[in-house]
Amino acid sequence: MIKVLSLFLLFISYVSASYEVIDEENIFTIKTKDISFDELHINLEDEITFQSFVIVHKLDLAKSTAKVAEALEKKAVLKKGINILICKSSFTLAMHEENIKNITYCPLNISVYADEQYNYISYKKYDNFGKDDKIANEINEKLKNIVLKSLD
């Protein structure tokens, strides 16, 4: 009985986890208090892999900026923060076929970070280089899909 009750409470806490979607002109952000940084991070990496992207590199920006803040006798801004750089060769080829300048978009970047109150996932929205280019919209949709699916 206790196991069933525990599983039920765990299920309810997972289902009731809430987040806020902030879709601004240049950035897409998920903001939450209910989902831990570690859970956001792990689920995001799982979704990136599930969608056949490769994690090229991870940068622990909270750690490096905290060291700089300490050296400058300032307070660190981030409690935790990781930039995840991702790539998918077939998608990258399509980007380059459309416009060779799209090479500057590679690898794509999604950030997971936390301050004292909230945990976040965000990415900078990409713009088209040429008037007929459409791949930036596809990039933004793919990143949005990865982020939102990681919350399921």
N, C-alpha and C. Protein backbone atom coordinates (compact mmCIF):
# COMPACT_ATOMS: atom_id res chain seq x y z
N MET A 1 0.82 -1.20 0.00
CA MET A 1 0.00 0.00 0.00
C MET A 1 0.87 1.27 0.00
N ILE A 2 1.92 1.25 0.79
CA ILE A 2 2.81 2.41 0.88
C ILE A 2 3.51 2.63 -0.46
N LYS A 3 3.89 1.54 -1.11
CA LYS A 3 4.54 1.65 -2.42
C LYS A 3 3.59 2.27 -3.44
N VAL A 4 2.35 1.83 -3.44
CA VAL A 4 1.35 2.36 -4.37
C VAL A 4 1.13 3.84 -4.10
N LEU A 5 1.00 4.22 -2.85
CA LEU A 5 0.82 5.62 -2.49
C LEU A 5 2.02 6.45 -2.89
N SER A 6 3.21 5.93 -2.67
CA SER A 6 4.44 6.63 -3.05
C SER A 6 4.50 6.83 -4.56
N LEU A 7 4.19 5.78 -5.31
CA LEU A 7 4.18 5.90 -6.78
C LEU A 7 3.14 6.91 -7.24
N PHE A 8 1.98 6.90 -6.60
CA PHE A 8 0.93 7.85 -6.96
C PHE A 8 1.38 9.29 -6.70
N LEU A 9 1.99 9.53 -5.55
CA LEU A 9 2.48 10.88 -5.23
C LEU A 9 3.59 11.31 -6.17
N LEU A 10 4.46 10.39 -6.53
CA LEU A 10 5.52 10.69 -7.49
C LEU A 10 4.92 11.05 -8.84
N PHE A 11 3.93 10.28 -9.28
CA PHE A 11 3.25 10.54 -10.55
C PHE A 11 2.57 11.90 -10.54
N ILE A 12 1.87 12.21 -9.47
CA ILE A 12 1.18 13.50 -9.36
C ILE A 12 2.17 14.66 -9.39
N SER A 13 3.29 14.53 -8.70
CA SER A 13 4.28 15.60 -8.68
C SER A 13 4.88 15.79 -10.07
N TYR A 14 5.06 14.69 -10.82
CA TYR A 14 5.61 14.79 -12.17
C TYR A 14 4.60 15.45 -13.11
N VAL A 15 3.34 15.01 -13.01
CA VAL A 15 2.29 15.54 -13.89
C VAL A 15 2.03 17.02 -13.60
N SER A 16 2.13 17.41 -12.35
CA SER A 16 1.79 18.78 -11.99
C SER A 16 2.97 19.75 -12.15
N ALA A 17 4.11 19.23 -12.58
CA ALA A 17 5.26 20.11 -12.81
C ALA A 17 4.87 21.16 -13.85
N SER A 18 5.09 22.40 -13.52
CA SER A 18 4.67 23.46 -14.43
C SER A 18 5.88 24.28 -14.85
N TYR A 19 5.69 24.94 -15.99
CA TYR A 19 6.73 25.80 -16.52
C TYR A 19 6.07 26.91 -17.32
N GLU A 20 6.84 27.95 -17.51
CA GLU A 20 6.37 29.10 -18.28
C GLU A 20 7.16 29.17 -19.58
N VAL A 21 6.45 29.35 -20.68
CA VAL A 21 7.09 29.51 -21.99
C VAL A 21 7.19 31.01 -22.27
N ILE A 22 8.40 31.47 -22.52
CA ILE A 22 8.64 32.88 -22.85
C ILE A 22 9.22 32.90 -24.27
N ASP A 23 8.37 33.29 -25.21
CA ASP A 23 8.74 33.27 -26.63
C ASP A 23 8.90 34.72 -27.11
N GLU A 24 10.13 35.21 -26.98
CA GLU A 24 10.42 36.59 -27.36
C GLU A 24 10.96 36.65 -28.79
N GLU A 25 11.20 37.85 -29.27
CA GLU A 25 11.65 38.03 -30.65
C GLU A 25 12.96 37.30 -30.94
N ASN A 26 13.93 37.37 -30.03
CA ASN A 26 15.26 36.83 -30.29
C ASN A 26 15.63 35.61 -29.46
N ILE A 27 14.78 35.24 -28.50
CA ILE A 27 15.13 34.13 -27.62
C ILE A 27 13.87 33.37 -27.21
N PHE A 28 14.02 32.05 -27.09
CA PHE A 28 12.95 31.19 -26.62
C PHE A 28 13.40 30.62 -25.28
N THR A 29 12.56 30.74 -24.24
CA THR A 29 12.96 30.33 -22.90
C THR A 29 11.85 29.56 -22.20
N ILE A 30 12.25 28.54 -21.48
CA ILE A 30 11.37 27.84 -20.54
C ILE A 30 11.85 28.23 -19.15
N LYS A 31 10.93 28.62 -18.29
CA LYS A 31 11.26 29.04 -16.93
C LYS A 31 10.43 28.20 -15.95
N THR A 32 11.10 27.61 -14.96
CA THR A 32 10.37 26.76 -14.03
C THR A 32 10.99 26.80 -12.63
N LYS A 33 10.15 26.58 -11.65
CA LYS A 33 10.60 26.35 -10.27
C LYS A 33 10.39 24.88 -9.93
N ASP A 34 9.47 24.24 -10.64
CA ASP A 34 9.02 22.90 -10.28
C ASP A 34 9.88 21.77 -10.83
N ILE A 35 10.69 22.06 -11.82
CA ILE A 35 11.54 21.03 -12.41
C ILE A 35 12.99 21.39 -12.08
N SER A 36 13.70 20.46 -11.49
CA SER A 36 15.06 20.75 -11.05
C SER A 36 16.00 20.95 -12.23
N PHE A 37 17.09 21.64 -11.97
CA PHE A 37 18.11 21.86 -12.99
C PHE A 37 18.60 20.52 -13.55
N ASP A 38 18.91 19.59 -12.67
CA ASP A 38 19.44 18.30 -13.11
C ASP A 38 18.44 17.54 -13.98
N GLU A 39 17.17 17.58 -13.60
CA GLU A 39 16.14 16.92 -14.41
C GLU A 39 16.01 17.58 -15.78
N LEU A 40 16.01 18.92 -15.81
CA LEU A 40 15.96 19.63 -17.09
C LEU A 40 17.14 19.23 -17.97
N HIS A 41 18.32 19.23 -17.38
CA HIS A 41 19.56 18.93 -18.10
C HIS A 41 19.54 17.50 -18.67
N ILE A 42 19.23 16.53 -17.83
CA ILE A 42 19.23 15.13 -18.26
C ILE A 42 18.17 14.88 -19.33
N ASN A 43 16.97 15.39 -19.11
CA ASN A 43 15.90 15.19 -20.08
C ASN A 43 16.21 15.88 -21.41
N LEU A 44 16.83 17.04 -21.36
CA LEU A 44 17.21 17.74 -22.58
C LEU A 44 18.24 16.93 -23.36
N GLU A 45 19.27 16.44 -22.69
CA GLU A 45 20.28 15.63 -23.38
C GLU A 45 19.68 14.36 -23.95
N ASP A 46 18.75 13.74 -23.23
CA ASP A 46 18.07 12.55 -23.75
C ASP A 46 17.29 12.87 -25.02
N GLU A 47 16.59 13.99 -25.02
CA GLU A 47 15.79 14.37 -26.19
C GLU A 47 16.68 14.73 -27.37
N ILE A 48 17.79 15.40 -27.12
CA ILE A 48 18.74 15.74 -28.18
C ILE A 48 19.20 14.45 -28.86
N THR A 49 19.59 13.47 -28.07
CA THR A 49 20.04 12.18 -28.61
C THR A 49 18.91 11.45 -29.31
N PHE A 50 17.72 11.47 -28.72
CA PHE A 50 16.55 10.79 -29.31
C PHE A 50 16.25 11.35 -30.69
N GLN A 51 16.44 12.64 -30.88
CA GLN A 51 16.17 13.26 -32.18
C GLN A 51 17.38 13.20 -33.11
N SER A 52 18.32 12.35 -32.80
CA SER A 52 19.49 12.04 -33.65
C SER A 52 20.47 13.18 -33.81
N PHE A 53 20.49 14.10 -32.85
CA PHE A 53 21.53 15.11 -32.83
C PHE A 53 22.68 14.57 -32.00
N VAL A 54 23.86 15.09 -32.23
CA VAL A 54 25.05 14.70 -31.48
C VAL A 54 25.44 15.88 -30.60
N ILE A 55 25.75 15.60 -29.34
CA ILE A 55 26.26 16.65 -28.46
C ILE A 55 27.74 16.78 -28.76
N VAL A 56 28.10 17.91 -29.37
CA VAL A 56 29.47 18.15 -29.80
C VAL A 56 30.33 18.59 -28.62
N HIS A 57 29.76 19.41 -27.75
CA HIS A 57 30.53 19.94 -26.62
C HIS A 57 29.56 20.50 -25.59
N LYS A 58 30.01 20.50 -24.34
CA LYS A 58 29.25 21.14 -23.26
C LYS A 58 30.18 22.11 -22.55
N LEU A 59 29.69 23.31 -22.33
CA LEU A 59 30.46 24.34 -21.62
C LEU A 59 29.80 24.63 -20.28
N ASP A 60 30.54 24.47 -19.20
CA ASP A 60 30.01 24.78 -17.87
C ASP A 60 30.28 26.26 -17.58
N LEU A 61 29.37 27.10 -18.05
CA LEU A 61 29.56 28.55 -17.91
C LEU A 61 29.38 29.04 -16.49
N ALA A 62 28.59 28.36 -15.70
CA ALA A 62 28.43 28.77 -14.30
C ALA A 62 29.76 28.64 -13.56
N LYS A 63 30.43 27.54 -13.79
CA LYS A 63 31.71 27.29 -13.11
C LYS A 63 32.77 28.31 -13.54
N SER A 64 32.90 28.52 -14.84
CA SER A 64 33.95 29.43 -15.32
C SER A 64 33.65 30.89 -14.95
N THR A 65 32.39 31.30 -15.04
CA THR A 65 32.09 32.69 -14.68
C THR A 65 32.14 32.91 -13.17
N ALA A 66 31.89 31.87 -12.39
CA ALA A 66 32.01 31.99 -10.93
C ALA A 66 33.46 32.25 -10.53
N LYS A 67 34.39 31.59 -11.23
CA LYS A 67 35.81 31.81 -10.95
C LYS A 67 36.23 33.24 -11.29
N VAL A 68 35.72 33.74 -12.40
CA VAL A 68 36.02 35.12 -12.79
C VAL A 68 35.40 36.09 -11.79
N ALA A 69 34.16 35.84 -11.40
CA ALA A 69 33.49 36.71 -10.42
C ALA A 69 34.27 36.74 -9.10
N GLU A 70 34.73 35.58 -8.67
CA GLU A 70 35.51 35.50 -7.44
C GLU A 70 36.80 36.31 -7.57
N ALA A 71 37.48 36.18 -8.68
CA ALA A 71 38.73 36.92 -8.89
C ALA A 71 38.50 38.43 -8.92
N LEU A 72 37.32 38.83 -9.40
CA LEU A 72 36.99 40.26 -9.47
C LEU A 72 36.23 40.74 -8.24
N GLU A 73 36.12 39.85 -7.24
CA GLU A 73 35.40 40.14 -6.00
C GLU A 73 33.96 40.57 -6.27
N LYS A 74 33.32 39.82 -7.17
CA LYS A 74 31.91 40.03 -7.50
C LYS A 74 31.14 38.77 -7.17
N LYS A 75 29.81 38.89 -7.20
CA LYS A 75 28.94 37.74 -6.95
C LYS A 75 28.63 37.06 -8.28
N ALA A 76 28.70 35.74 -8.30
CA ALA A 76 28.35 34.98 -9.50
C ALA A 76 26.86 35.14 -9.79
N VAL A 77 26.52 35.19 -11.05
CA VAL A 77 25.13 35.37 -11.46
C VAL A 77 24.42 34.02 -11.54
N LEU A 78 25.07 33.03 -12.12
CA LEU A 78 24.47 31.71 -12.30
C LEU A 78 24.78 30.79 -11.14
N LYS A 79 23.78 30.05 -10.71
CA LYS A 79 23.99 28.99 -9.74
C LYS A 79 24.52 27.76 -10.47
N LYS A 80 23.91 27.44 -11.59
CA LYS A 80 24.34 26.37 -12.49
C LYS A 80 24.10 26.86 -13.91
N GLY A 81 24.90 26.40 -14.85
CA GLY A 81 24.68 26.81 -16.23
C GLY A 81 25.55 26.06 -17.22
N ILE A 82 24.91 25.44 -18.18
CA ILE A 82 25.63 24.66 -19.19
C ILE A 82 25.11 25.03 -20.57
N ASN A 83 26.02 25.31 -21.49
CA ASN A 83 25.68 25.46 -22.90
C ASN A 83 25.95 24.13 -23.56
N ILE A 84 24.95 23.61 -24.27
CA ILE A 84 25.08 22.34 -24.96
C ILE A 84 25.11 22.64 -26.46
N LEU A 85 26.21 22.28 -27.10
CA LEU A 85 26.38 22.51 -28.53
C LEU A 85 26.05 21.22 -29.27
N ILE A 86 25.13 21.30 -30.23
CA ILE A 86 24.64 20.10 -30.91
C ILE A 86 24.76 20.22 -32.42
N CYS A 87 24.80 19.07 -33.08
CA CYS A 87 24.93 19.04 -34.53
C CYS A 87 24.25 17.78 -35.05
N LYS A 88 23.82 17.83 -36.29
CA LYS A 88 23.27 16.69 -37.02
C LYS A 88 23.73 16.86 -38.46
N SER A 89 24.60 16.00 -38.92
CA SER A 89 25.26 16.19 -40.21
C SER A 89 24.29 16.38 -41.37
N SER A 90 23.23 15.60 -41.42
CA SER A 90 22.28 15.73 -42.54
C SER A 90 21.59 17.09 -42.51
N PHE A 91 21.27 17.57 -41.32
CA PHE A 91 20.62 18.88 -41.19
C PHE A 91 21.62 19.99 -41.52
N THR A 92 22.86 19.82 -41.09
CA THR A 92 23.90 20.80 -41.39
C THR A 92 24.13 20.91 -42.90
N LEU A 93 24.12 19.78 -43.58
CA LEU A 93 24.27 19.81 -45.04
C LEU A 93 23.14 20.61 -45.67
N ALA A 94 21.91 20.41 -45.23
CA ALA A 94 20.77 21.17 -45.76
C ALA A 94 20.95 22.67 -45.50
N MET A 95 21.49 23.01 -44.33
CA MET A 95 21.75 24.42 -44.01
C MET A 95 22.76 25.00 -44.99
N HIS A 96 23.83 24.27 -45.26
CA HIS A 96 24.88 24.75 -46.15
C HIS A 96 24.42 24.81 -47.60
N GLU A 97 23.57 23.85 -47.99
CA GLU A 97 23.04 23.86 -49.35
C GLU A 97 22.21 25.10 -49.60
N GLU A 98 21.47 25.54 -48.59
CA GLU A 98 20.65 26.73 -48.75
C GLU A 98 21.51 27.98 -48.87
N ASN A 99 22.48 28.11 -47.97
CA ASN A 99 23.33 29.30 -47.97
C ASN A 99 24.60 28.94 -47.22
N ILE A 100 25.72 29.06 -47.88
CA ILE A 100 27.00 28.67 -47.27
C ILE A 100 27.30 29.47 -46.00
N LYS A 101 26.73 30.66 -45.87
CA LYS A 101 26.93 31.47 -44.66
C LYS A 101 26.31 30.80 -43.42
N ASN A 102 25.43 29.85 -43.64
CA ASN A 102 24.81 29.16 -42.51
C ASN A 102 25.82 28.35 -41.71
N ILE A 103 27.03 28.22 -42.22
CA ILE A 103 28.08 27.51 -41.46
C ILE A 103 28.30 28.19 -40.10
N THR A 104 28.05 29.47 -40.02
CA THR A 104 28.26 30.19 -38.76
C THR A 104 27.25 29.77 -37.68
N TYR A 105 26.18 29.07 -38.08
CA TYR A 105 25.20 28.59 -37.11
C TYR A 105 25.63 27.30 -36.42
N CYS A 106 26.65 26.65 -36.95
CA CYS A 106 27.05 25.33 -36.44
C CYS A 106 28.15 25.45 -35.40
N PRO A 107 28.09 24.70 -34.33
CA PRO A 107 26.95 23.88 -33.94
C PRO A 107 25.84 24.73 -33.32
N LEU A 108 24.65 24.18 -33.29
CA LEU A 108 23.51 24.84 -32.65
C LEU A 108 23.71 24.80 -31.14
N ASN A 109 23.05 25.70 -30.42
CA ASN A 109 23.31 25.85 -29.00
C ASN A 109 22.00 25.94 -28.21
N ILE A 110 21.91 25.14 -27.16
CA ILE A 110 20.81 25.23 -26.19
C ILE A 110 21.44 25.37 -24.81
N SER A 111 20.90 26.26 -24.00
CA SER A 111 21.44 26.51 -22.66
C SER A 111 20.47 26.02 -21.59
N VAL A 112 21.03 25.44 -20.54
CA VAL A 112 20.28 25.07 -19.34
C VAL A 112 20.97 25.80 -18.20
N TYR A 113 20.21 26.57 -17.42
CA TYR A 113 20.86 27.35 -16.37
C TYR A 113 19.89 27.63 -15.23
N ALA A 114 20.46 28.09 -14.13
CA ALA A 114 19.67 28.36 -12.93
C ALA A 114 20.22 29.58 -12.23
N ASP A 115 19.30 30.37 -11.68
CA ASP A 115 19.69 31.45 -10.78
C ASP A 115 19.21 31.05 -9.39
N GLU A 116 19.07 31.98 -8.51
CA GLU A 116 18.67 31.64 -7.13
C GLU A 116 17.22 31.18 -7.03
N GLN A 117 16.36 31.55 -8.01
CA GLN A 117 14.94 31.24 -7.91
C GLN A 117 14.43 30.23 -8.94
N TYR A 118 14.93 30.29 -10.15
CA TYR A 118 14.35 29.53 -11.25
C TYR A 118 15.39 28.70 -12.00
N ASN A 119 14.88 27.74 -12.74
CA ASN A 119 15.67 26.95 -13.67
C ASN A 119 15.16 27.26 -15.08
N TYR A 120 16.07 27.26 -16.05
CA TYR A 120 15.72 27.69 -17.40
C TYR A 120 16.31 26.75 -18.44
N ILE A 121 15.65 26.72 -19.60
CA ILE A 121 16.22 26.20 -20.84
C ILE A 121 15.96 27.29 -21.87
N SER A 122 16.97 27.61 -22.67
CA SER A 122 16.73 28.62 -23.70
C SER A 122 17.65 28.44 -24.89
N TYR A 123 17.26 29.05 -25.98
CA TYR A 123 18.12 29.11 -27.16
C TYR A 123 17.88 30.45 -27.85
N LYS A 124 18.94 30.93 -28.49
CA LYS A 124 18.85 32.16 -29.28
C LYS A 124 18.23 31.80 -30.61
N LYS A 125 17.26 32.58 -31.06
CA LYS A 125 16.62 32.31 -32.34
C LYS A 125 17.55 32.74 -33.48
N TYR A 126 17.52 31.95 -34.53
CA TYR A 126 18.35 32.20 -35.69
C TYR A 126 17.58 33.02 -36.73
N ASP A 127 18.30 33.86 -37.46
CA ASP A 127 17.72 34.68 -38.53
C ASP A 127 18.21 34.19 -39.88
N ASN A 128 17.42 34.43 -40.91
CA ASN A 128 17.82 34.08 -42.26
C ASN A 128 18.87 35.06 -42.76
N PHE A 129 19.85 34.54 -43.50
CA PHE A 129 20.87 35.40 -44.10
C PHE A 129 20.36 36.07 -45.36
N GLY A 130 19.68 35.33 -46.21
CA GLY A 130 19.18 35.88 -47.46
C GLY A 130 17.68 35.98 -47.45
N LYS A 131 17.13 36.79 -48.34
CA LYS A 131 15.68 37.01 -48.33
C LYS A 131 14.89 35.75 -48.69
N ASP A 132 15.50 34.84 -49.46
CA ASP A 132 14.81 33.60 -49.83
C ASP A 132 15.16 32.43 -48.92
N ASP A 133 16.04 32.63 -47.96
CA ASP A 133 16.44 31.56 -47.06
C ASP A 133 15.29 31.21 -46.11
N LYS A 134 15.15 29.93 -45.85
CA LYS A 134 14.08 29.48 -44.96
C LYS A 134 14.59 28.57 -43.84
N ILE A 135 15.86 28.20 -43.90
CA ILE A 135 16.39 27.21 -42.96
C ILE A 135 16.39 27.72 -41.52
N ALA A 136 16.54 29.02 -41.31
CA ALA A 136 16.55 29.55 -39.94
C ALA A 136 15.24 29.26 -39.23
N ASN A 137 14.14 29.35 -39.96
CA ASN A 137 12.83 29.02 -39.37
C ASN A 137 12.78 27.55 -38.98
N GLU A 138 13.36 26.69 -39.82
CA GLU A 138 13.40 25.26 -39.52
C GLU A 138 14.30 24.98 -38.33
N ILE A 139 15.44 25.69 -38.24
CA ILE A 139 16.32 25.55 -37.09
C ILE A 139 15.57 25.90 -35.81
N ASN A 140 14.89 27.04 -35.83
CA ASN A 140 14.15 27.49 -34.64
C ASN A 140 13.07 26.49 -34.25
N GLU A 141 12.38 25.92 -35.23
CA GLU A 141 11.34 24.94 -34.93
C GLU A 141 11.94 23.65 -34.37
N LYS A 142 13.08 23.21 -34.92
CA LYS A 142 13.73 22.00 -34.40
C LYS A 142 14.17 22.20 -32.95
N LEU A 143 14.79 23.35 -32.67
CA LEU A 143 15.24 23.62 -31.30
C LEU A 143 14.05 23.72 -30.35
N LYS A 144 13.00 24.38 -30.78
CA LYS A 144 11.79 24.50 -29.95
C LYS A 144 11.20 23.12 -29.67
N ASN A 145 11.17 22.28 -30.69
CA ASN A 145 10.65 20.93 -30.55
C ASN A 145 11.48 20.14 -29.55
N ILE A 146 12.80 20.21 -29.66
CA ILE A 146 13.68 19.50 -28.72
C ILE A 146 13.41 19.96 -27.29
N VAL A 147 13.34 21.26 -27.09
CA VAL A 147 13.14 21.80 -25.74
C VAL A 147 11.78 21.37 -25.18
N LEU A 148 10.72 21.55 -25.96
CA LEU A 148 9.38 21.21 -25.45
C LEU A 148 9.21 19.71 -25.25
N LYS A 149 9.75 18.90 -26.13
CA LYS A 149 9.65 17.44 -25.96
C LYS A 149 10.44 16.96 -24.75
N SER A 150 11.50 17.69 -24.40
CA SER A 150 12.29 17.29 -23.23
C SER A 150 11.51 17.49 -21.93
N LEU A 151 10.43 18.25 -22.00
CA LEU A 151 9.60 18.50 -20.82
C LEU A 151 8.47 17.49 -20.65
N ASP A 152 8.26 16.66 -21.67
CA ASP A 152 7.18 15.64 -21.60
C ASP A 152 7.51 14.55 -20.63
